[in-house]
N, C-alpha and C. Protein backbone atom coordinates (compact mmCIF):
# COMPACT_ATOMS: atom_id res chain seq x y z
N UNK A 1 141.08 71.64 89.48
CA UNK A 1 141.21 71.15 90.57
C UNK A 1 141.77 69.71 91.43
N UNK A 2 141.77 68.92 90.01
CA UNK A 2 142.66 67.12 90.14
C UNK A 2 144.02 68.50 89.66
N UNK A 3 143.98 69.48 88.84
CA UNK A 3 145.43 69.85 88.56
C UNK A 3 146.16 70.67 89.42
N UNK A 4 145.63 71.62 90.25
CA UNK A 4 145.87 72.22 91.30
C UNK A 4 146.40 71.04 92.43
N UNK A 5 146.04 69.79 93.03
CA UNK A 5 146.25 69.00 93.69
C UNK A 5 147.29 68.61 93.35
N UNK A 6 147.38 68.14 92.29
CA UNK A 6 148.81 67.46 91.33
C UNK A 6 149.48 68.18 91.74
N UNK A 7 149.68 69.61 91.17
CA UNK A 7 151.08 70.51 91.48
C UNK A 7 151.28 70.94 93.04
N UNK A 8 150.24 71.09 93.90
CA UNK A 8 151.05 71.06 95.12
C UNK A 8 151.57 69.52 95.51
N UNK A 9 150.97 68.62 94.95
CA UNK A 9 152.07 67.24 95.22
C UNK A 9 153.62 67.06 94.57
N UNK A 10 153.83 67.86 93.44
CA UNK A 10 154.71 67.55 92.80
C UNK A 10 155.85 68.97 93.30
N UNK A 11 155.28 69.98 94.01
CA UNK A 11 155.96 71.40 94.11
C UNK A 11 157.24 71.33 95.09
N UNK A 12 156.91 70.56 95.83
CA UNK A 12 158.32 70.02 96.54
C UNK A 12 159.32 69.46 96.22
N UNK A 13 158.82 68.69 95.29
CA UNK A 13 159.71 67.61 94.68
C UNK A 13 160.86 68.42 93.81
N UNK A 14 162.33 67.54 93.83
CA UNK A 14 163.49 67.94 92.74
C UNK A 14 162.79 67.23 91.45
N UNK A 15 163.92 67.38 90.30
CA UNK A 15 163.34 67.31 89.32
C UNK A 15 163.39 66.02 88.70
N UNK A 16 164.43 65.57 89.47
CA UNK A 16 164.59 63.94 89.23
C UNK A 16 163.90 63.24 90.08
N UNK A 17 163.00 63.27 90.99
CA UNK A 17 162.04 62.95 91.96
C UNK A 17 160.65 62.69 91.16
N UNK A 18 160.58 63.64 90.23
CA UNK A 18 158.89 63.61 89.65
C UNK A 18 158.49 62.55 88.65
N UNK A 19 160.01 62.07 88.17
CA UNK A 19 159.15 60.50 87.30
C UNK A 19 158.99 59.55 88.40
N UNK A 20 159.62 59.75 89.38
CA UNK A 20 159.47 58.36 90.27
C UNK A 20 157.77 58.47 90.97
N UNK A 21 157.91 59.85 91.04
CA UNK A 21 156.14 60.12 91.53
C UNK A 21 154.90 59.82 90.40
N UNK A 22 155.35 60.28 89.71
CA UNK A 22 154.12 60.22 88.58
C UNK A 22 154.07 58.78 88.18
N UNK A 23 154.86 57.69 87.77
CA UNK A 23 155.08 56.73 86.85
C UNK A 23 154.00 55.61 88.10
N UNK A 24 153.90 55.40 89.20
CA UNK A 24 152.97 54.91 89.62
C UNK A 24 151.10 55.33 89.36
N UNK A 25 151.19 56.40 88.77
CA UNK A 25 149.81 56.89 88.69
C UNK A 25 149.11 56.86 87.21
N UNK A 26 150.52 56.11 86.31
CA UNK A 26 149.85 55.46 85.35
C UNK A 26 149.82 53.72 85.28
N UNK A 27 149.81 53.36 86.38
CA UNK A 27 149.89 51.79 86.61
C UNK A 27 148.33 51.34 86.26
N UNK A 28 147.92 49.97 86.06
CA UNK A 28 146.84 49.96 85.67
C UNK A 28 145.71 49.51 86.93
N UNK A 29 146.13 49.21 88.11
CA UNK A 29 145.54 49.27 89.26
C UNK A 29 145.17 50.57 89.71
N UNK A 30 146.04 51.85 89.79
CA UNK A 30 145.52 53.10 90.05
C UNK A 30 144.82 53.71 89.39
N UNK A 31 144.75 53.60 88.02
CA UNK A 31 143.83 54.02 86.71
C UNK A 31 142.53 53.52 87.41
N UNK A 32 142.70 51.93 87.53
CA UNK A 32 141.24 51.35 87.75
C UNK A 32 140.54 51.95 88.97
N UNK A 33 141.35 52.23 89.93
CA UNK A 33 140.83 52.87 91.35
C UNK A 33 140.27 54.18 90.74
N UNK A 34 141.23 55.34 90.17
CA UNK A 34 140.97 56.57 89.99
C UNK A 34 139.34 56.49 88.86
N UNK A 35 139.42 55.62 88.28
CA UNK A 35 137.94 55.55 87.29
C UNK A 35 136.73 55.52 88.16
N UNK A 36 136.76 54.19 88.95
CA UNK A 36 136.09 53.77 90.30
C UNK A 36 135.76 54.98 90.82
N UNK A 37 136.96 55.75 91.62
CA UNK A 37 136.13 56.63 92.29
C UNK A 37 135.43 57.95 91.60
N UNK A 38 135.83 57.95 90.06
CA UNK A 38 135.30 58.95 89.38
C UNK A 38 134.01 58.73 89.57
N UNK A 39 133.84 57.54 89.14
CA UNK A 39 132.13 56.52 89.04
C UNK A 39 131.29 56.90 90.18
N UNK A 40 132.31 56.89 91.50
CA UNK A 40 131.19 56.77 92.44
C UNK A 40 131.13 58.20 92.77
N UNK A 41 131.39 58.95 92.85
CA UNK A 41 131.55 60.18 92.71
C UNK A 41 130.17 61.14 91.63
N UNK A 42 130.61 60.57 90.51
CA UNK A 42 129.82 61.20 89.27
C UNK A 42 127.90 60.87 90.03
N UNK A 43 128.27 59.50 90.65
CA UNK A 43 126.80 58.94 90.61
C UNK A 43 126.20 59.60 91.98
N UNK A 44 127.24 59.77 93.18
CA UNK A 44 126.71 60.57 94.04
C UNK A 44 125.99 61.68 93.82
N UNK A 45 126.71 62.67 93.00
CA UNK A 45 126.35 63.84 92.60
C UNK A 45 125.37 63.83 91.87
N UNK A 46 124.82 63.47 91.09
CA UNK A 46 124.28 63.36 89.67
C UNK A 46 122.69 62.18 89.51
N UNK A 47 123.66 61.29 89.77
CA UNK A 47 122.58 60.02 89.66
C UNK A 47 121.49 60.26 91.02
N UNK A 48 121.94 59.82 92.44
CA UNK A 48 121.57 60.05 93.51
C UNK A 48 120.54 61.12 93.55
N UNK A 49 120.70 62.47 93.27
CA UNK A 49 120.42 63.58 93.17
C UNK A 49 119.06 63.92 92.75
N UNK A 50 119.04 62.98 91.49
CA UNK A 50 117.71 62.72 90.25
C UNK A 50 118.34 64.14 89.57
N UNK A 51 119.09 64.33 89.27
CA UNK A 51 119.74 65.41 88.64
C UNK A 51 119.40 65.33 86.91
N UNK A 52 118.94 66.07 86.11
CA UNK A 52 118.85 65.82 84.93
C UNK A 52 120.24 66.05 84.29
N UNK A 53 121.12 66.96 84.73
CA UNK A 53 122.14 66.92 84.08
C UNK A 53 123.39 65.38 83.63
N UNK A 54 123.08 64.32 83.71
CA UNK A 54 123.22 62.87 82.88
C UNK A 54 122.80 63.37 81.65
N UNK A 55 121.52 63.39 81.54
CA UNK A 55 120.74 63.45 79.99
C UNK A 55 121.69 64.66 79.67
N UNK A 56 121.88 65.69 79.74
CA UNK A 56 122.80 66.89 78.96
C UNK A 56 124.03 66.41 78.85
N UNK A 57 124.77 66.23 79.57
CA UNK A 57 126.06 65.02 79.34
C UNK A 57 126.21 64.20 77.96
N UNK A 58 124.87 63.02 77.74
CA UNK A 58 124.95 62.04 77.01
C UNK A 58 124.85 63.20 76.02
N UNK A 59 123.63 63.96 75.59
CA UNK A 59 123.84 65.13 74.40
C UNK A 59 124.75 65.56 73.82
N UNK A 60 125.57 66.20 74.89
CA UNK A 60 126.83 67.04 74.54
C UNK A 60 127.76 65.85 74.23
N UNK A 61 127.66 64.61 74.65
CA UNK A 61 129.00 63.84 74.37
C UNK A 61 128.53 63.07 73.04
N UNK A 62 127.60 62.98 72.81
CA UNK A 62 127.00 62.58 71.67
C UNK A 62 127.36 63.50 70.16
N UNK A 63 126.96 64.69 70.40
CA UNK A 63 127.39 65.81 69.78
C UNK A 63 128.80 66.19 69.35
N UNK A 64 129.73 65.74 70.48
CA UNK A 64 131.34 65.76 70.41
C UNK A 64 131.63 64.80 69.32
N UNK A 65 131.04 63.17 69.89
CA UNK A 65 131.58 62.49 69.13
C UNK A 65 130.82 62.77 67.75
N UNK A 66 129.47 62.59 66.97
CA UNK A 66 129.23 62.86 66.02
C UNK A 66 130.71 63.55 65.00
N UNK A 67 130.74 65.17 65.65
CA UNK A 67 131.14 65.94 64.75
C UNK A 67 132.61 65.15 64.89
N UNK A 68 133.15 64.44 65.72
CA UNK A 68 134.83 64.24 65.69
C UNK A 68 134.51 62.81 64.33
N UNK A 69 133.59 62.20 64.59
CA UNK A 69 133.66 61.26 63.57
C UNK A 69 133.42 61.69 62.00
N UNK A 70 132.36 62.50 62.05
CA UNK A 70 132.73 63.26 60.78
C UNK A 70 133.72 64.19 59.88
N UNK A 71 134.61 64.56 60.91
CA UNK A 71 135.69 65.70 60.60
C UNK A 71 136.50 65.06 59.46
N UNK A 72 136.75 64.03 59.57
CA UNK A 72 138.28 63.61 58.85
C UNK A 72 137.04 63.60 56.88
N UNK A 73 135.89 63.31 57.31
CA UNK A 73 135.52 63.29 55.92
C UNK A 73 135.11 64.86 55.64
N UNK A 74 135.03 66.04 56.18
CA UNK A 74 134.48 66.89 56.19
C UNK A 74 136.11 67.39 55.63
N UNK A 75 136.97 67.53 56.59
CA UNK A 75 138.21 67.79 55.85
C UNK A 75 138.82 67.62 54.38
N UNK A 76 138.51 66.34 53.97
CA UNK A 76 138.59 65.93 52.64
C UNK A 76 137.62 66.30 51.55
N UNK A 77 136.44 66.63 52.15
CA UNK A 77 135.86 67.02 50.83
C UNK A 77 136.62 68.99 50.69
N UNK A 78 136.56 69.67 51.79
CA UNK A 78 137.09 70.86 51.68
C UNK A 78 138.36 71.10 50.79
N UNK A 79 139.10 69.76 51.34
CA UNK A 79 140.30 69.85 50.61
C UNK A 79 140.46 69.79 49.04
N UNK A 80 139.25 68.83 48.64
CA UNK A 80 138.58 68.79 47.34
C UNK A 80 138.21 69.85 47.03
N UNK A 81 137.74 70.83 47.55
CA UNK A 81 136.81 71.99 46.98
C UNK A 81 137.77 72.77 46.59
N UNK A 82 139.26 73.02 47.70
CA UNK A 82 140.25 73.73 47.49
C UNK A 82 140.96 73.58 46.17
N UNK A 83 140.95 72.14 46.04
CA UNK A 83 142.18 71.81 44.95
C UNK A 83 140.85 71.76 43.38
N UNK A 84 139.88 72.03 43.33
CA UNK A 84 139.12 72.09 42.12
C UNK A 84 139.31 73.67 42.16
N UNK A 85 139.06 74.57 42.95
CA UNK A 85 138.77 75.78 42.75
C UNK A 85 140.52 76.24 42.15
N UNK A 86 141.11 75.71 42.78
CA UNK A 86 142.64 76.01 42.25
C UNK A 86 143.03 75.45 40.69
N UNK A 87 142.08 74.96 40.21
CA UNK A 87 142.43 74.01 38.69
C UNK A 87 141.16 74.20 38.14
N UNK A 88 140.51 75.29 38.10
CA UNK A 88 139.33 75.65 37.51
C UNK A 88 138.09 74.74 37.28
N UNK A 89 138.25 73.52 38.47
CA UNK A 89 136.79 73.19 38.58
C UNK A 89 135.23 73.65 39.33
N UNK A 90 134.63 73.15 39.51
CA UNK A 90 133.39 73.99 40.02
C UNK A 90 133.47 74.42 41.21
């Protein structure tokens, strides 16, 4: 949905005008306001309606976070295992 809005905004611009249009979107104030709007929308959609979905969001987020934290160690383990197979290890 946000991509569609962004595309419709830049659709009529020339290529040289796009950076001037996009640059203000990366300012600190714009990002703070965007995050605040997101929080307000999230609160209205899930918290005020007493939905159970925020609990799912926390659970899924925790699973993804733990996977990403463990990923480098798993990759090192697999690389070591491959190396051991190539050199006649266990």
